[in-house]
Amino acid sequence: MNERLRSLVLHQESLKSCARCAGMVGPVIVGTAVLSPVFLIGQAPGAKEGQLGKPFAWTAGKTLFKWFAEIGISEDDFRRKVYMAAVCRCFPGKNPKGGDRVPSPQEIDHCADWLNAELNLIRPRLIIPVGKLAIGQILPADKLDRVIGLRHTLCRESSETDVIPLPHPSGASTWHRREPGRTLLGQALRLIREHPAWGEICRNASPEVLI
């Protein structure tokens, strides 16, 4: 195990014991510790993810992995080869008015340290933020139709990383099923498929030697 991968494993062990936010419902959800050229950022786990112990494990995940299968990679391979992070790593709980509660700005700030540390450790060449909350941590995102379907550049510590956002695949959202969302989603998936980092993970490479 190389030094960076060892550091990532230790990072995840610390993350799993995080208890900074009293309003969040554990457990902390993390993906595979892999030094991947592709870095996915979700919003926050739902109740089922907490039970199943992995990100995007329920209805929204089925849609997300269907999108990825269309551009060359299965769910199992994606989970093995791509680092899956999130804006918040614990279930925020239910909103009394329906649906899952949106994490508070303070809760998002608490988790931002973990996310930034992972970006610094992994140094991905492609970031895929999924959903408006995740996109907003990387790019100005007042409207989805202004950011989805385009490739953006994130400048971090004298380096540049490509960012290709996706809409959230939630069944409660109709954005990706109606125009212009449907077309913009197709454009975004095409950009991801054509990115060299995506080509790497679609080949039969061991996750430890992806970069």
Protein backbone atom coordinates (compact mmCIF):
# COMPACT_ATOMS: atom_id res chain seq x y z
CA MET A 1 0.00 0.00 0.00
CA ASN A 2 1.53 3.34 -1.01
CA GLU A 3 1.79 6.29 1.36
CA ARG A 4 -1.06 8.31 -0.14
CA LEU A 5 -3.43 5.36 -0.03
CA ARG A 6 -2.43 4.65 3.57
CA SER A 7 -3.17 8.29 4.42
CA LEU A 8 -6.58 8.01 2.76
CA VAL A 9 -7.43 4.87 4.75
CA LEU A 10 -6.44 6.63 7.99
CA HIS A 11 -8.50 9.65 6.93
CA GLN A 12 -11.57 7.46 6.49
CA GLU A 13 -11.06 5.83 9.87
CA SER A 14 -11.09 9.28 11.48
CA LEU A 15 -14.10 10.33 9.41
CA LYS A 16 -16.11 7.28 10.53
CA SER A 17 -15.77 8.39 14.15
CA CYS A 18 -16.87 12.00 13.46
CA ALA A 19 -19.63 13.27 15.76
CA ARG A 20 -19.49 17.03 15.14
CA CYS A 21 -23.17 17.49 14.29
CA ALA A 22 -25.73 16.66 16.96
CA GLY A 23 -28.62 16.90 14.50
CA MET A 24 -27.24 14.31 12.09
CA VAL A 25 -28.16 10.63 12.18
CA GLY A 26 -25.27 8.16 11.94
CA PRO A 27 -23.53 6.10 10.84
CA VAL A 28 -21.02 8.07 8.79
CA ILE A 29 -21.16 6.79 5.21
CA VAL A 30 -17.98 6.48 3.15
CA GLY A 31 -17.12 4.86 -0.17
CA THR A 32 -14.14 2.74 -1.14
CA ALA A 33 -10.73 4.15 -0.21
CA VAL A 34 -9.31 4.42 -3.71
CA LEU A 35 -6.84 6.82 -5.32
CA SER A 36 -8.99 7.50 -8.34
CA PRO A 37 -8.67 10.09 -11.11
CA VAL A 38 -12.47 10.54 -10.80
CA PHE A 39 -14.06 11.98 -7.65
CA LEU A 40 -17.84 11.96 -7.16
CA ILE A 41 -19.53 14.29 -4.65
CA GLY A 42 -23.08 13.51 -3.56
CA GLN A 43 -25.31 15.58 -1.29
CA ALA A 44 -25.97 13.50 1.86
CA PRO A 45 -26.98 9.92 2.60
CA GLY A 46 -30.62 8.98 2.96
CA ALA A 47 -32.03 6.67 5.60
CA LYS A 48 -31.44 3.56 3.47
CA GLU A 49 -27.79 4.42 2.90
CA GLY A 50 -27.29 4.38 6.66
CA GLN A 51 -28.81 0.90 6.87
CA LEU A 52 -26.86 -0.45 3.89
CA GLY A 53 -23.58 1.30 4.68
CA LYS A 54 -22.73 2.72 1.27
CA PRO A 55 -23.50 5.89 -0.71
CA PHE A 56 -26.23 6.00 -3.37
CA ALA A 57 -27.56 2.62 -2.24
CA TRP A 58 -31.28 3.19 -2.85
CA THR A 59 -33.64 4.64 -5.47
CA ALA A 60 -31.54 7.62 -6.55
CA GLY A 61 -28.53 5.32 -6.83
CA LYS A 62 -30.34 3.04 -9.25
CA THR A 63 -30.89 5.98 -11.58
CA LEU A 64 -27.34 7.29 -11.14
CA PHE A 65 -25.75 3.94 -11.93
CA LYS A 66 -28.06 3.48 -14.90
CA TRP A 67 -26.62 6.76 -16.27
CA PHE A 68 -23.08 5.53 -15.69
CA ALA A 69 -23.79 2.13 -17.26
CA GLU A 70 -24.85 3.99 -20.41
CA ILE A 71 -21.38 5.54 -20.63
CA GLY A 72 -19.35 2.44 -19.99
CA ILE A 73 -19.10 1.35 -16.36
CA SER A 74 -21.13 -0.94 -14.09
CA GLU A 75 -22.16 -0.06 -10.55
CA ASP A 76 -19.73 -2.59 -9.04
CA ASP A 77 -16.80 -1.27 -11.06
CA PHE A 78 -17.74 2.33 -10.32
CA ARG A 79 -17.87 1.70 -6.57
CA ARG A 80 -14.50 -0.06 -6.75
CA LYS A 81 -12.71 2.46 -8.95
CA VAL A 82 -14.18 5.90 -8.08
CA TYR A 83 -13.88 7.80 -4.81
CA MET A 84 -17.41 8.62 -3.61
CA ALA A 85 -17.65 11.56 -1.22
CA ALA A 86 -20.54 13.83 -0.20
CA VAL A 87 -21.27 17.30 1.13
CA CYS A 88 -22.41 15.66 4.39
CA ARG A 89 -21.69 12.05 5.36
CA CYS A 90 -24.53 11.38 7.80
CA PHE A 91 -28.29 11.25 7.21
CA PRO A 92 -29.75 14.69 8.04
CA GLY A 93 -33.08 13.19 9.12
CA LYS A 94 -36.55 13.84 7.79
CA ASN A 95 -38.10 17.24 7.14
CA PRO A 96 -41.39 17.57 9.05
CA LYS A 97 -42.93 18.94 5.83
CA GLY A 98 -41.80 15.89 3.85
CA GLY A 99 -38.62 14.55 2.29
CA ASP A 100 -35.15 14.57 3.79
CA ARG A 101 -33.96 17.60 5.73
CA VAL A 102 -31.45 19.87 3.96
CA PRO A 103 -28.24 20.09 6.02
CA SER A 104 -27.67 23.42 7.75
CA PRO A 105 -24.80 25.73 6.70
CA GLN A 106 -23.00 24.82 9.93
CA GLU A 107 -23.33 21.09 9.22
CA ILE A 108 -22.03 21.64 5.70
CA ASP A 109 -19.06 23.60 7.08
CA HIS A 110 -18.27 20.82 9.54
CA CYS A 111 -18.07 18.27 6.74
CA ALA A 112 -16.20 20.57 4.36
CA ASP A 113 -12.94 19.86 6.20
CA TRP A 114 -13.27 16.16 5.39
CA LEU A 115 -14.09 16.87 1.74
CA ASN A 116 -11.18 19.27 1.28
CA ALA A 117 -8.77 16.81 2.87
CA GLU A 118 -9.90 14.11 0.45
CA LEU A 119 -9.49 16.36 -2.57
CA ASN A 120 -5.97 17.21 -1.39
CA LEU A 121 -5.08 13.56 -0.82
CA ILE A 122 -6.56 12.13 -4.00
CA ARG A 123 -5.87 14.99 -6.41
CA PRO A 124 -8.47 13.88 -8.98
CA ARG A 125 -8.48 15.00 -12.58
CA LEU A 126 -12.28 14.94 -12.86
CA ILE A 127 -14.82 15.93 -10.20
CA ILE A 128 -18.48 14.98 -10.68
CA PRO A 129 -20.74 16.86 -8.23
CA VAL A 130 -24.26 15.40 -8.19
CA GLY A 131 -27.16 17.69 -7.29
CA LYS A 132 -27.39 21.39 -6.59
CA LEU A 133 -26.09 21.20 -3.03
CA ALA A 134 -22.97 19.35 -4.15
CA ILE A 135 -22.47 21.52 -7.22
CA GLY A 136 -22.67 24.63 -5.03
CA GLN A 137 -19.64 23.50 -3.00
CA ILE A 138 -17.53 23.58 -6.17
CA LEU A 139 -19.15 26.11 -8.53
CA PRO A 140 -21.55 29.06 -8.39
CA ALA A 141 -24.83 27.28 -9.15
CA ASP A 142 -27.90 29.49 -8.90
CA LYS A 143 -29.60 27.55 -11.72
CA LEU A 144 -28.85 24.03 -12.91
CA ASP A 145 -29.30 24.89 -16.58
CA ARG A 146 -26.35 27.29 -16.32
CA VAL A 147 -23.86 24.67 -15.13
CA ILE A 148 -25.00 21.22 -16.29
CA GLY A 149 -23.97 20.16 -19.78
CA LEU A 150 -20.68 22.09 -19.55
CA ARG A 151 -17.14 21.29 -18.44
CA HIS A 152 -15.83 23.69 -15.81
CA THR A 153 -12.39 24.24 -14.27
CA LEU A 154 -11.67 24.28 -10.55
CA CYS A 155 -8.42 25.93 -9.50
CA ARG A 156 -7.01 24.53 -6.25
CA GLU A 157 -3.52 25.17 -4.87
CA SER A 158 -1.93 26.02 -8.23
CA SER A 159 -3.56 23.07 -10.00
CA GLU A 160 -6.62 22.77 -12.21
CA THR A 161 -9.28 20.05 -12.11
CA ASP A 162 -12.12 19.51 -14.55
CA VAL A 163 -15.64 19.60 -13.11
CA ILE A 164 -18.66 18.13 -14.91
CA PRO A 165 -21.82 18.45 -12.80
CA LEU A 166 -24.85 16.17 -12.92
CA PRO A 167 -28.40 16.77 -11.67
CA HIS A 168 -29.55 14.79 -8.67
CA PRO A 169 -31.13 11.50 -9.78
CA SER A 170 -33.84 11.63 -7.13
CA GLY A 171 -37.22 10.29 -8.14
CA ALA A 172 -38.75 13.37 -6.54
CA SER A 173 -36.99 15.62 -9.05
CA THR A 174 -38.38 16.08 -12.55
CA TRP A 175 -35.55 18.34 -13.77
CA HIS A 176 -33.59 15.60 -15.53
CA ARG A 177 -36.73 14.13 -17.11
CA ARG A 178 -37.98 17.29 -18.84
CA GLU A 179 -36.41 19.86 -21.14
CA PRO A 180 -33.92 21.44 -21.04
CA GLY A 181 -32.76 19.09 -18.26
CA ARG A 182 -32.99 15.94 -20.33
CA THR A 183 -30.80 17.35 -23.10
CA LEU A 184 -28.32 18.93 -20.67
CA LEU A 185 -28.00 15.64 -18.78
CA GLY A 186 -27.16 13.90 -22.06
CA GLN A 187 -24.54 16.53 -22.82
CA ALA A 188 -23.00 16.15 -19.36
CA LEU A 189 -22.82 12.36 -19.65
CA ARG A 190 -21.20 12.66 -23.06
CA LEU A 191 -18.57 15.03 -21.65
CA ILE A 192 -17.86 12.59 -18.82
CA ARG A 193 -17.58 9.66 -21.23
CA GLU A 194 -15.09 11.59 -23.39
CA HIS A 195 -12.90 12.68 -20.45
CA PRO A 196 -9.50 10.87 -20.26
CA ALA A 197 -9.95 10.17 -16.54
CA TRP A 198 -13.24 8.39 -17.25
CA GLY A 199 -11.48 6.33 -19.90
CA GLU A 200 -9.02 5.18 -17.25
CA ILE A 201 -11.64 3.88 -14.86
CA CYS A 202 -13.52 2.12 -17.67
CA ARG A 203 -10.45 0.02 -18.43
CA ASN A 204 -9.63 -3.08 -16.42
CA ALA A 205 -7.11 -1.44 -14.10
CA SER A 206 -6.52 -2.11 -10.44
CA PRO A 207 -7.85 0.83 -8.34
CA GLU A 208 -4.48 1.26 -6.60
CA VAL A 209 -2.75 1.98 -9.91
CA LEU A 210 -5.35 4.20 -11.52
CA ILE A 211 -3.05 7.22 -11.16
